[in-house]
Amino acid sequence: MKNLNRRIFLIQSAALTSATLATQVSASDKKMKAAAPGERLSEADSYPKSMGFKLESKNVDKTRYPRHTTEQYCSRCQLYEGNATEGECSFYGGRIVPAAGWCKNFKLNKSAA
């Protein structure tokens, strides 16, 4: 058995840690890429659900999101690009959201005000 000195041990530990992190990042990237632009966003998907996403702004839980107002909906958000019924949301990687939807990442589009 080899005698490992401290330097070799630290180098090997750093290499193992880097390899482990790279594998985890790669796996999480694959999960994010599974949702292709142009797909419809669902309230049931885990990430939109964690962001409080609702297909209709009027259905937002007012106790959980007290800063939500009735004037906040996707078509008035800076991240929305589409028409009066639906469009792409850059926050969700270009997935399709309804114009009447909402999530807690809402940022008022000054030109929509």
PDB file of N, CA and C in Angstrom:
ATOM      1  N   MET A   1       0.838  -1.180   0.000  1.00  0.00           N
ATOM      2  CA  MET A   1       0.000   0.000   0.000  1.00  0.00           C
ATOM      3  C   MET A   1       0.885   1.246   0.000  1.00  0.00           C
ATOM      4  N   LYS A   2       0.512   2.214  -0.788  1.00  0.00           N
ATOM      5  CA  LYS A   2       1.287   3.445  -0.914  1.00  0.00           C
ATOM      6  C   LYS A   2       1.090   4.332   0.304  1.00  0.00           C
ATOM      7  N   ASN A   3       2.136   5.030   0.638  1.00  0.00           N
ATOM      8  CA  ASN A   3       2.021   6.056   1.669  1.00  0.00           C
ATOM      9  C   ASN A   3       1.557   7.338   0.996  1.00  0.00           C
ATOM     10  N   LEU A   4       0.393   7.804   1.375  1.00  0.00           N
ATOM     11  CA  LEU A   4      -0.123   9.051   0.800  1.00  0.00           C
ATOM     12  C   LEU A   4       0.270  10.209   1.698  1.00  0.00           C
ATOM     13  N   ASN A   5       0.899  11.164   1.111  1.00  0.00           N
ATOM     14  CA  ASN A   5       1.176  12.341   1.923  1.00  0.00           C
ATOM     15  C   ASN A   5       0.000  13.298   1.808  1.00  0.00           C
ATOM     16  N   ARG A   6       0.033  14.305   2.571  1.00  0.00           N
ATOM     17  CA  ARG A   6      -1.084  15.246   2.664  1.00  0.00           C
ATOM     18  C   ARG A   6      -1.391  15.909   1.323  1.00  0.00           C
ATOM     19  N   ARG A   7      -0.394  16.304   0.581  1.00  0.00           N
ATOM     20  CA  ARG A   7      -0.586  16.984  -0.697  1.00  0.00           C
ATOM     21  C   ARG A   7      -1.328  16.088  -1.695  1.00  0.00           C
ATOM     22  N   ILE A   8      -0.909  14.852  -1.820  1.00  0.00           N
ATOM     23  CA  ILE A   8      -1.559  13.923  -2.750  1.00  0.00           C
ATOM     24  C   ILE A   8      -3.007  13.685  -2.323  1.00  0.00           C
ATOM     25  N   PHE A   9      -3.202  13.526  -1.023  1.00  0.00           N
ATOM     26  CA  PHE A   9      -4.553  13.313  -0.516  1.00  0.00           C
ATOM     27  C   PHE A   9      -5.464  14.498  -0.858  1.00  0.00           C
ATOM     28  N   LEU A  10      -4.988  15.714  -0.659  1.00  0.00           N
ATOM     29  CA  LEU A  10      -5.798  16.901  -0.951  1.00  0.00           C
ATOM     30  C   LEU A  10      -6.089  17.028  -2.447  1.00  0.00           C
ATOM     31  N   ILE A  11      -5.105  16.744  -3.273  1.00  0.00           N
ATOM     32  CA  ILE A  11      -5.310  16.821  -4.725  1.00  0.00           C
ATOM     33  C   ILE A  11      -6.346  15.804  -5.174  1.00  0.00           C
ATOM     34  N   GLN A  12      -6.232  14.583  -4.667  1.00  0.00           N
ATOM     35  CA  GLN A  12      -7.197  13.543  -5.045  1.00  0.00           C
ATOM     36  C   GLN A  12      -8.597  13.867  -4.523  1.00  0.00           C
ATOM     37  N   SER A  13      -8.667  14.418  -3.328  1.00  0.00           N
ATOM     38  CA  SER A  13      -9.978  14.794  -2.772  1.00  0.00           C
ATOM     39  C   SER A  13     -10.627  15.895  -3.604  1.00  0.00           C
ATOM     40  N   ALA A  14      -9.821  16.870  -4.011  1.00  0.00           N
ATOM     41  CA  ALA A  14     -10.348  17.963  -4.837  1.00  0.00           C
ATOM     42  C   ALA A  14     -10.827  17.434  -6.189  1.00  0.00           C
ATOM     43  N   ALA A  15     -10.069  16.527  -6.778  1.00  0.00           N
ATOM     44  CA  ALA A  15     -10.464  15.952  -8.068  1.00  0.00           C
ATOM     45  C   ALA A  15     -11.758  15.159  -7.942  1.00  0.00           C
ATOM     46  N   LEU A  16     -11.897  14.393  -6.879  1.00  0.00           N
ATOM     47  CA  LEU A  16     -13.113  13.609  -6.676  1.00  0.00           C
ATOM     48  C   LEU A  16     -14.320  14.522  -6.455  1.00  0.00           C
ATOM     49  N   THR A  17     -14.139  15.568  -5.661  1.00  0.00           N
ATOM     50  CA  THR A  17     -15.220  16.524  -5.408  1.00  0.00           C
ATOM     51  C   THR A  17     -15.643  17.217  -6.704  1.00  0.00           C
ATOM     52  N   SER A  18     -14.679  17.634  -7.506  1.00  0.00           N
ATOM     53  CA  SER A  18     -14.981  18.293  -8.787  1.00  0.00           C
ATOM     54  C   SER A  18     -15.738  17.362  -9.717  1.00  0.00           C
ATOM     55  N   ALA A  19     -15.308  16.115  -9.787  1.00  0.00           N
ATOM     56  CA  ALA A  19     -15.981  15.147 -10.657  1.00  0.00           C
ATOM     57  C   ALA A  19     -17.416  14.906 -10.193  1.00  0.00           C
ATOM     58  N   THR A  20     -17.618  14.828  -8.896  1.00  0.00           N
ATOM     59  CA  THR A  20     -18.960  14.613  -8.353  1.00  0.00           C
ATOM     60  C   THR A  20     -19.865  15.802  -8.661  1.00  0.00           C
ATOM     61  N   LEU A  21     -19.367  17.019  -8.460  1.00  0.00           N
ATOM     62  CA  LEU A  21     -20.159  18.216  -8.739  1.00  0.00           C
ATOM     63  C   LEU A  21     -20.473  18.339 -10.225  1.00  0.00           C
ATOM     64  N   ALA A  22     -19.516  18.026 -11.078  1.00  0.00           N
ATOM     65  CA  ALA A  22     -19.737  18.103 -12.519  1.00  0.00           C
ATOM     66  C   ALA A  22     -20.835  17.139 -12.943  1.00  0.00           C
ATOM     67  N   THR A  23     -20.855  15.965 -12.362  1.00  0.00           N
ATOM     68  CA  THR A  23     -21.892  14.976 -12.668  1.00  0.00           C
ATOM     69  C   THR A  23     -23.261  15.480 -12.227  1.00  0.00           C
ATOM     70  N   GLN A  24     -23.336  16.075 -11.046  1.00  0.00           N
ATOM     71  CA  GLN A  24     -24.611  16.586 -10.545  1.00  0.00           C
ATOM     72  C   GLN A  24     -25.112  17.745 -11.385  1.00  0.00           C
ATOM     73  N   VAL A  25     -24.240  18.660 -11.783  1.00  0.00           N
ATOM     74  CA  VAL A  25     -24.628  19.792 -12.614  1.00  0.00           C
ATOM     75  C   VAL A  25     -25.117  19.297 -13.968  1.00  0.00           C
ATOM     76  N   SER A  26     -24.433  18.325 -14.536  1.00  0.00           N
ATOM     77  CA  SER A  26     -24.834  17.756 -15.818  1.00  0.00           C
ATOM     78  C   SER A  26     -26.220  17.125 -15.727  1.00  0.00           C
ATOM     79  N   ALA A  27     -26.482  16.412 -14.646  1.00  0.00           N
ATOM     80  CA  ALA A  27     -27.788  15.779 -14.464  1.00  0.00           C
ATOM     81  C   ALA A  27     -28.883  16.821 -14.312  1.00  0.00           C
ATOM     82  N   SER A  28     -28.618  17.910 -13.579  1.00  0.00           N
ATOM     83  CA  SER A  28     -29.644  18.941 -13.404  1.00  0.00           C
ATOM     84  C   SER A  28     -29.882  19.694 -14.703  1.00  0.00           C
ATOM     85  N   ASP A  29     -28.853  19.893 -15.534  1.00  0.00           N
ATOM     86  CA  ASP A  29     -29.017  20.532 -16.834  1.00  0.00           C
ATOM     87  C   ASP A  29     -29.932  19.706 -17.721  1.00  0.00           C
ATOM     88  N   LYS A  30     -29.799  18.397 -17.672  1.00  0.00           N
ATOM     89  CA  LYS A  30     -30.646  17.530 -18.485  1.00  0.00           C
ATOM     90  C   LYS A  30     -32.099  17.655 -18.062  1.00  0.00           C
ATOM     91  N   LYS A  31     -32.352  17.785 -16.762  1.00  0.00           N
ATOM     92  CA  LYS A  31     -33.723  17.951 -16.281  1.00  0.00           C
ATOM     93  C   LYS A  31     -34.311  19.260 -16.792  1.00  0.00           C
ATOM     94  N   MET A  32     -33.529  20.334 -16.745  1.00  0.00           N
ATOM     95  CA  MET A  32     -34.018  21.634 -17.202  1.00  0.00           C
ATOM     96  C   MET A  32     -34.253  21.628 -18.709  1.00  0.00           C
ATOM     97  N   LYS A  33     -33.403  20.942 -19.478  1.00  0.00           N
ATOM     98  CA  LYS A  33     -33.528  20.926 -20.922  1.00  0.00           C
ATOM     99  C   LYS A  33     -34.681  20.046 -21.381  1.00  0.00           C
ATOM    100  N   ALA A  34     -35.210  19.210 -20.493  1.00  0.00           N
ATOM    101  CA  ALA A  34     -36.315  18.337 -20.868  1.00  0.00           C
ATOM    102  C   ALA A  34     -37.550  19.158 -21.256  1.00  0.00           C
ATOM    103  N   ALA A  35     -37.684  20.334 -20.688  1.00  0.00           N
ATOM    104  CA  ALA A  35     -38.795  21.214 -21.007  1.00  0.00           C
ATOM    105  C   ALA A  35     -38.366  22.112 -22.166  1.00  0.00           C
ATOM    106  N   ALA A  36     -38.797  21.772 -23.353  1.00  0.00           N
ATOM    107  CA  ALA A  36     -38.385  22.505 -24.546  1.00  0.00           C
ATOM    108  C   ALA A  36     -39.200  23.773 -24.735  1.00  0.00           C
ATOM    109  N   PRO A  37     -38.577  24.811 -25.304  1.00  0.00           N
ATOM    110  CA  PRO A  37     -39.328  26.020 -25.631  1.00  0.00           C
ATOM    111  C   PRO A  37     -40.491  25.665 -26.546  1.00  0.00           C
ATOM    112  N   GLY A  38     -41.602  26.323 -26.360  1.00  0.00           N
ATOM    113  CA  GLY A  38     -42.776  26.047 -27.168  1.00  0.00           C
ATOM    114  C   GLY A  38     -43.745  25.082 -26.498  1.00  0.00           C
ATOM    115  N   GLU A  39     -43.298  24.394 -25.439  1.00  0.00           N
ATOM    116  CA  GLU A  39     -44.204  23.523 -24.683  1.00  0.00           C
ATOM    117  C   GLU A  39     -45.052  24.392 -23.755  1.00  0.00           C
ATOM    118  N   ARG A  40     -46.216  23.912 -23.433  1.00  0.00           N
ATOM    119  CA  ARG A  40     -47.084  24.627 -22.495  1.00  0.00           C
ATOM    120  C   ARG A  40     -46.628  24.363 -21.063  1.00  0.00           C
ATOM    121  N   LEU A  41     -46.616  25.403 -20.267  1.00  0.00           N
ATOM    122  CA  LEU A  41     -46.241  25.294 -18.864  1.00  0.00           C
ATOM    123  C   LEU A  41     -47.432  24.772 -18.078  1.00  0.00           C
ATOM    124  N   SER A  42     -47.177  23.896 -17.140  1.00  0.00           N
ATOM    125  CA  SER A  42     -48.238  23.297 -16.339  1.00  0.00           C
ATOM    126  C   SER A  42     -48.085  23.706 -14.875  1.00  0.00           C
ATOM    127  N   GLU A  43     -49.197  23.881 -14.208  1.00  0.00           N
ATOM    128  CA  GLU A  43     -49.171  24.180 -12.777  1.00  0.00           C
ATOM    129  C   GLU A  43     -48.613  23.004 -11.988  1.00  0.00           C
ATOM    130  N   ALA A  44     -48.701  21.806 -12.532  1.00  0.00           N
ATOM    131  CA  ALA A  44     -48.281  20.599 -11.832  1.00  0.00           C
ATOM    132  C   ALA A  44     -46.768  20.369 -11.880  1.00  0.00           C
ATOM    133  N   ASP A  45     -46.060  21.006 -12.818  1.00  0.00           N
ATOM    134  CA  ASP A  45     -44.612  20.835 -12.902  1.00  0.00           C
ATOM    135  C   ASP A  45     -43.978  21.374 -11.617  1.00  0.00           C
ATOM    136  N   SER A  46     -42.933  20.717 -11.149  1.00  0.00           N
ATOM    137  CA  SER A  46     -42.366  21.056  -9.840  1.00  0.00           C
ATOM    138  C   SER A  46     -41.826  22.483  -9.754  1.00  0.00           C
ATOM    139  N   TYR A  47     -41.062  22.939 -10.755  1.00  0.00           N
ATOM    140  CA  TYR A  47     -40.490  24.286 -10.655  1.00  0.00           C
ATOM    141  C   TYR A  47     -41.562  25.374 -10.745  1.00  0.00           C
ATOM    142  N   PRO A  48     -42.454  25.336 -11.730  1.00  0.00           N
ATOM    143  CA  PRO A  48     -43.518  26.347 -11.738  1.00  0.00           C
ATOM    144  C   PRO A  48     -44.356  26.315 -10.459  1.00  0.00           C
ATOM    145  N   LYS A  49     -44.573  25.120  -9.942  1.00  0.00           N
ATOM    146  CA  LYS A  49     -45.347  24.992  -8.706  1.00  0.00           C
ATOM    147  C   LYS A  49     -44.635  25.703  -7.557  1.00  0.00           C
ATOM    148  N   SER A  50     -43.300  25.566  -7.494  1.00  0.00           N
ATOM    149  CA  SER A  50     -42.545  26.227  -6.430  1.00  0.00           C
ATOM    150  C   SER A  50     -42.549  27.746  -6.592  1.00  0.00           C
ATOM    151  N   MET A  51     -42.789  28.222  -7.803  1.00  0.00           N
ATOM    152  CA  MET A  51     -42.847  29.661  -8.066  1.00  0.00           C
ATOM    153  C   MET A  51     -44.273  30.200  -7.945  1.00  0.00           C
ATOM    154  N   GLY A  52     -45.208  29.359  -7.524  1.00  0.00           N
ATOM    155  CA  GLY A  52     -46.579  29.797  -7.330  1.00  0.00           C
ATOM    156  C   GLY A  52     -47.339  29.992  -8.624  1.00  0.00           C
ATOM    157  N   PHE A  53     -46.847  29.399  -9.725  1.00  0.00           N
ATOM    158  CA  PHE A  53     -47.466  29.599 -11.038  1.00  0.00           C
ATOM    159  C   PHE A  53     -48.913  29.137 -11.055  1.00  0.00           C
ATOM    160  N   LYS A  54     -49.769  29.994 -11.596  1.00  0.00           N
ATOM    161  CA  LYS A  54     -51.185  29.676 -11.794  1.00  0.00           C
ATOM    162  C   LYS A  54     -51.559  30.029 -13.221  1.00  0.00           C
ATOM    163  N   LEU A  55     -52.415  29.215 -13.817  1.00  0.00           N
ATOM    164  CA  LEU A  55     -52.874  29.465 -15.177  1.00  0.00           C
ATOM    165  C   LEU A  55     -53.737  30.719 -15.251  1.00  0.00           C
ATOM    166  N   GLU A  56     -54.371  31.059 -14.130  1.00  0.00           N
ATOM    167  CA  GLU A  56     -55.170  32.285 -14.053  1.00  0.00           C
ATOM    168  C   GLU A  56     -54.788  33.047 -12.788  1.00  0.00           C
ATOM    169  N   SER A  57     -54.457  34.296 -12.962  1.00  0.00           N
ATOM    170  CA  SER A  57     -54.013  35.139 -11.860  1.00  0.00           C
ATOM    171  C   SER A  57     -55.052  35.213 -10.738  1.00  0.00           C
ATOM    172  N   LYS A  58     -56.314  35.124 -11.090  1.00  0.00           N
ATOM    173  CA  LYS A  58     -57.372  35.232 -10.068  1.00  0.00           C
ATOM    174  C   LYS A  58     -57.376  34.043  -9.103  1.00  0.00           C
ATOM    175  N   ASN A  59     -56.664  32.948  -9.442  1.00  0.00           N
ATOM    176  CA  ASN A  59     -56.632  31.758  -8.590  1.00  0.00           C
ATOM    177  C   ASN A  59     -55.433  31.712  -7.647  1.00  0.00           C
ATOM    178  N   VAL A  60     -54.676  32.793  -7.558  1.00  0.00           N
ATOM    179  CA  VAL A  60     -53.497  32.832  -6.697  1.00  0.00           C
ATOM    180  C   VAL A  60     -53.930  32.856  -5.235  1.00  0.00           C
ATOM    181  N   ASP A  61     -53.244  32.087  -4.410  1.00  0.00           N
ATOM    182  CA  ASP A  61     -53.504  32.033  -2.974  1.00  0.00           C
ATOM    183  C   ASP A  61     -53.050  33.344  -2.334  1.00  0.00           C
ATOM    184  N   LYS A  62     -53.984  34.159  -1.938  1.00  0.00           N
ATOM    185  CA  LYS A  62     -53.676  35.497  -1.430  1.00  0.00           C
ATOM    186  C   LYS A  62     -52.998  35.473  -0.058  1.00  0.00           C
ATOM    187  N   THR A  63     -53.196  34.413   0.699  1.00  0.00           N
ATOM    188  CA  THR A  63     -52.508  34.321   1.989  1.00  0.00           C
ATOM    189  C   THR A  63     -51.043  33.929   1.799  1.00  0.00           C
ATOM    190  N   ARG A  64     -50.756  33.112   0.802  1.00  0.00           N
ATOM    191  CA  ARG A  64     -49.377  32.693   0.531  1.00  0.00           C
ATOM    192  C   ARG A  64     -48.604  33.772  -0.224  1.00  0.00           C
ATOM    193  N   TYR A  65     -49.292  34.523  -1.087  1.00  0.00           N
ATOM    194  CA  TYR A  65     -48.661  35.581  -1.887  1.00  0.00           C
ATOM    195  C   TYR A  65     -49.397  36.901  -1.660  1.00  0.00           C
ATOM    196  N   PRO A  66     -49.201  37.519  -0.505  1.00  0.00           N
ATOM    197  CA  PRO A  66     -49.955  38.733  -0.165  1.00  0.00           C
ATOM    198  C   PRO A  66     -49.632  39.940  -1.055  1.00  0.00           C
ATOM    199  N   ARG A  67     -48.485  39.922  -1.730  1.00  0.00           N
ATOM    200  CA  ARG A  67     -48.120  41.056  -2.600  1.00  0.00           C
ATOM    201  C   ARG A  67     -48.783  40.965  -3.972  1.00  0.00           C
ATOM    202  N   HIS A  68     -49.444  39.860  -4.261  1.00  0.00           N
ATOM    203  CA  HIS A  68     -50.132  39.692  -5.543  1.00  0.00           C
ATOM    204  C   HIS A  68     -51.331  40.626  -5.622  1.00  0.00           C
ATOM    205  N   THR A  69     -51.515  41.230  -6.787  1.00  0.00           N
ATOM    206  CA  THR A  69     -52.695  42.064  -7.024  1.00  0.00           C
ATOM    207  C   THR A  69     -53.398  41.579  -8.283  1.00  0.00           C
ATOM    208  N   THR A  70     -54.623  42.011  -8.476  1.00  0.00           N
ATOM    209  CA  THR A  70     -55.395  41.587  -9.648  1.00  0.00           C
ATOM    210  C   THR A  70     -54.847  42.170 -10.949  1.00  0.00           C
ATOM    211  N   GLU A  71     -54.004  43.192 -10.859  1.00  0.00           N
ATOM    212  CA  GLU A  71     -53.406  43.779 -12.060  1.00  0.00           C
ATOM    213  C   GLU A  71     -52.164  43.026 -12.533  1.00  0.00           C
ATOM    214  N   GLN A  72     -51.735  42.023 -11.773  1.00  0.00           N
ATOM    215  CA  GLN A  72     -50.545  41.245 -12.127  1.00  0.00           C
ATOM    216  C   GLN A  72     -50.956  39.980 -12.874  1.00  0.00           C
ATOM    217  N   TYR A  73     -50.555  39.899 -14.115  1.00  0.00           N
ATOM    218  CA  TYR A  73     -50.755  38.685 -14.908  1.00  0.00           C
ATOM    219  C   TYR A  73     -49.709  38.657 -16.011  1.00  0.00           C
ATOM    220  N   CYS A  74     -49.494  37.490 -16.565  1.00  0.00           N
ATOM    221  CA  CYS A  74     -48.359  37.264 -17.477  1.00  0.00           C
ATOM    222  C   CYS A  74     -48.238  38.294 -18.596  1.00  0.00           C
ATOM    223  N   SER A  75     -49.332  38.657 -19.235  1.00  0.00           N
ATOM    224  CA  SER A  75     -49.226  39.563 -20.374  1.00  0.00           C
ATOM    225  C   SER A  75     -48.751  40.968 -19.986  1.00  0.00           C
ATOM    226  N   ARG A  76     -48.726  41.287 -18.697  1.00  0.00           N
ATOM    227  CA  ARG A  76     -48.228  42.584 -18.230  1.00  0.00           C
ATOM    228  C   ARG A  76     -46.819  42.470 -17.650  1.00  0.00           C
ATOM    229  N   CYS A  77     -46.193  41.308 -17.807  1.00  0.00           N
ATOM    230  CA  CYS A  77     -44.872  41.046 -17.236  1.00  0.00           C
ATOM    231  C   CYS A  77     -43.767  41.309 -18.256  1.00  0.00           C
ATOM    232  N   GLN A  78     -42.619  41.757 -17.785  1.00  0.00           N
ATOM    233  CA  GLN A  78     -41.457  42.006 -18.644  1.00  0.00           C
ATOM    234  C   GLN A  78     -40.966  40.740 -19.334  1.00  0.00           C
ATOM    235  N   LEU A  79     -41.190  39.594 -18.746  1.00  0.00           N
ATOM    236  CA  LEU A  79     -40.657  38.331 -19.252  1.00  0.00           C
ATOM    237  C   LEU A  79     -41.574  37.651 -20.259  1.00  0.00           C
ATOM    238  N   TYR A  80     -42.731  38.234 -20.509  1.00  0.00           N
ATOM    239  CA  TYR A  80     -43.736  37.666 -21.413  1.00  0.00           C
ATOM    240  C   TYR A  80     -43.591  38.256 -22.802  1.00  0.00           C
ATOM    241  N   GLU A  81     -43.662  37.394 -23.804  1.00  0.00           N
ATOM    242  CA  GLU A  81     -43.658  37.859 -25.189  1.00  0.00           C
ATOM    243  C   GLU A  81     -44.701  37.049 -25.948  1.00  0.00           C
ATOM    244  N   GLY A  82     -45.796  37.694 -26.282  1.00  0.00           N
ATOM    245  CA  GLY A  82     -46.859  36.980 -26.969  1.00  0.00           C
ATOM    246  C   GLY A  82     -48.036  37.868 -27.275  1.00  0.00           C
ATOM    247  N   ASN A  83     -49.174  37.237 -27.489  1.00  0.00           N
ATOM    248  CA  ASN A  83     -50.385  37.978 -27.841  1.00  0.00           C
ATOM    249  C   ASN A  83     -51.325  38.076 -26.636  1.00  0.00           C
ATOM    250  N   ALA A  84     -52.575  38.406 -26.893  1.00  0.00           N
ATOM    251  CA  ALA A  84     -53.535  38.630 -25.814  1.00  0.00           C
ATOM    252  C   ALA A  84     -54.023  37.344 -25.151  1.00  0.00           C
ATOM    253  N   THR A  85     -53.733  36.181 -25.731  1.00  0.00           N
ATOM    254  CA  THR A  85     -54.206  34.931 -25.132  1.00  0.00           C
ATOM    255  C   THR A  85     -53.084  34.074 -24.554  1.00  0.00           C
ATOM    256  N   GLU A  86     -51.912  34.041 -25.234  1.00  0.00           N
ATOM    257  CA  GLU A  86     -50.796  33.254 -24.729  1.00  0.00           C
ATOM    258  C   GLU A  86     -49.482  33.732 -25.343  1.00  0.00           C
ATOM    259  N   GLY A  87     -48.384  33.349 -24.707  1.00  0.00           N
ATOM    260  CA  GLY A  87     -47.078  33.746 -25.214  1.00  0.00           C
ATOM    261  C   GLY A  87     -45.966  32.996 -24.510  1.00  0.00           C
ATOM    262  N   GLU A  88     -44.726  33.302 -24.906  1.00  0.00           N
ATOM    263  CA  GLU A  88     -43.568  32.655 -24.312  1.00  0.00           C
ATOM    264  C   GLU A  88     -43.086  33.434 -23.097  1.00  0.00           C
ATOM    265  N   CYS A  89     -42.628  32.698 -22.096  1.00  0.00           N
ATOM    266  CA  CYS A  89     -42.065  33.321 -20.896  1.00  0.00           C
ATOM    267  C   CYS A  89     -40.576  33.010 -20.847  1.00  0.00           C
ATOM    268  N   SER A  90     -39.744  34.044 -20.863  1.00  0.00           N
ATOM    269  CA  SER A  90     -38.299  33.826 -20.846  1.00  0.00           C
ATOM    270  C   SER A  90     -37.831  33.248 -19.515  1.00  0.00           C
ATOM    271  N   PHE A  91     -38.545  33.488 -18.440  1.00  0.00           N
ATOM    272  CA  PHE A  91     -38.180  32.936 -17.138  1.00  0.00           C
ATOM    273  C   PHE A  91     -38.277  31.414 -17.148  1.00  0.00           C
ATOM    274  N   TYR A  92     -39.231  30.887 -17.874  1.00  0.00           N
ATOM    275  CA  TYR A  92     -39.429  29.439 -17.973  1.00  0.00           C
ATOM    276  C   TYR A  92     -38.848  28.875 -19.261  1.00  0.00           C
ATOM    277  N   GLY A  93     -37.837  29.500 -19.786  1.00  0.00           N
ATOM    278  CA  GLY A  93     -37.131  28.966 -20.945  1.00  0.00           C
ATOM    279  C   GLY A  93     -37.923  28.995 -22.232  1.00  0.00           C
ATOM    280  N   GLY A  94     -38.812  29.957 -22.388  1.00  0.00           N
ATOM    281  CA  GLY A  94     -39.583  30.080 -23.619  1.00  0.00           C
ATOM    282  C   GLY A  94     -40.797  29.175 -23.687  1.00  0.00           C
ATOM    283  N   ARG A  95     -41.165  28.587 -22.568  1.00  0.00           N
ATOM    284  CA  ARG A  95     -42.374  27.759 -22.563  1.00  0.00           C
ATOM    285  C   ARG A  95     -43.608  28.649 -22.661  1.00  0.00           C
ATOM    286  N   ILE A  96     -44.678  28.092 -23.174  1.00  0.00           N
ATOM    287  CA  ILE A  96     -45.914  28.845 -23.410  1.00  0.00           C
ATOM    288  C   ILE A  96     -46.711  28.991 -22.116  1.00  0.00           C
ATOM    289  N   VAL A  97     -47.093  30.226 -21.817  1.00  0.00           N
ATOM    290  CA  VAL A  97     -47.923  30.525 -20.652  1.00  0.00           C
ATOM    291  C   VAL A  97     -49.154  31.299 -21.111  1.00  0.00           C
ATOM    292  N   PRO A  98     -50.264  31.183 -20.391  1.00  0.00           N
ATOM    293  CA  PRO A  98     -51.438  31.968 -20.747  1.00  0.00           C
ATOM    294  C   PRO A  98     -51.256  33.436 -20.355  1.00  0.00           C
ATOM    295  N   ALA A  99     -51.843  34.312 -21.110  1.00  0.00           N
ATOM    296  CA  ALA A  99     -51.740  35.752 -20.821  1.00  0.00           C
ATOM    297  C   ALA A  99     -52.310  36.078 -19.447  1.00  0.00           C
ATOM    298  N   ALA A 100     -53.288  35.312 -18.996  1.00  0.00           N
ATOM    299  CA  ALA A 100     -53.931  35.566 -17.712  1.00  0.00           C
ATOM    300  C   ALA A 100     -53.229  34.876 -16.552  1.00  0.00           C
ATOM    301  N   GLY A 101     -52.107  34.184 -16.792  1.00  0.00           N
ATOM    302  CA  GLY A 101     -51.387  33.468 -15.751  1.00  0.00           C
ATOM    303  C   GLY A 101     -50.608  34.381 -14.822  1.00  0.00           C
ATOM    304  N   TRP A 102     -49.937  33.778 -13.833  1.00  0.00           N
ATOM    305  CA  TRP A 102     -49.145  34.540 -12.868  1.00  0.00           C
ATOM    306  C   TRP A 102     -48.141  33.625 -12.179  1.00  0.00           C
ATOM    307  N   CYS A 103     -46.983  34.186 -11.794  1.00  0.00           N
ATOM    308  CA  CYS A 103     -46.050  33.516 -10.877  1.00  0.00           C
ATOM    309  C   CYS A 103     -45.384  34.586 -10.028  1.00  0.00           C
ATOM    310  N   LYS A 104     -44.725  34.169  -8.960  1.00  0.00           N
ATOM    311  CA  LYS A 104     -44.150  35.153  -8.031  1.00  0.00           C
ATOM    312  C   LYS A 104     -42.958  35.895  -8.609  1.00  0.00           C
ATOM    313  N   ASN A 105     -42.518  35.551  -9.818  1.00  0.00           N
ATOM    314  CA  ASN A 105     -41.420  36.260 -10.457  1.00  0.00           C
ATOM    315  C   ASN A 105     -41.941  37.419 -11.317  1.00  0.00           C
ATOM    316  N   PHE A 106     -43.191  37.771 -11.176  1.00  0.00           N
ATOM    317  CA  PHE A 106     -43.812  38.842 -11.964  1.00  0.00           C
ATOM    318  C   PHE A 106     -43.024  40.141 -11.839  1.00  0.00           C
ATOM    319  N   LYS A 107     -42.699  40.726 -12.984  1.00  0.00           N
ATOM    320  CA  LYS A 107     -42.030  42.030 -13.072  1.00  0.00           C
ATOM    321  C   LYS A 107     -42.833  42.889 -14.028  1.00  0.00           C
ATOM    322  N   LEU A 108     -43.435  43.953 -13.533  1.00  0.00           N
ATOM    323  CA  LEU A 108     -44.281  44.801 -14.366  1.00  0.00           C
ATOM    324  C   LEU A 108     -43.530  45.355 -15.547  1.00  0.00           C
ATOM    325  N   ASN A 109     -44.099  45.167 -16.718  1.00  0.00           N
ATOM    326  CA  ASN A 109     -43.573  45.744 -17.968  1.00  0.00           C
ATOM    327  C   ASN A 109     -44.061  47.187 -17.991  1.00  0.00           C
ATOM    328  N   LYS A 110     -43.136  48.122 -17.956  1.00  0.00           N
ATOM    329  CA  LYS A 110     -43.502  49.551 -17.896  1.00  0.00           C
ATOM    330  C   LYS A 110     -44.363  49.983 -19.073  1.00  0.00           C
ATOM    331  N   SER A 111     -44.167  49.366 -20.242  1.00  0.00           N
ATOM    332  CA  SER A 111     -44.964  49.746 -21.403  1.00  0.00           C
ATOM    333  C   SER A 111     -46.379  49.176 -21.333  1.00  0.00           C
ATOM    334  N   ALA A 112     -46.602  48.179 -20.476  1.00  0.00           N
ATOM    335  CA  ALA A 112     -47.938  47.595 -20.312  1.00  0.00           C
ATOM    336  C   ALA A 112     -48.730  48.306 -19.237  1.00  0.00           C
ATOM    337  N   ALA A 113     -48.095  49.189 -18.493  1.00  0.00           N
ATOM    338  CA  ALA A 113     -48.754  49.864 -17.370  1.00  0.00           C
ATOM    339  C   ALA A 113     -49.760  50.887 -17.797  1.00  0.00           C
TER     340      ALA A 113
END
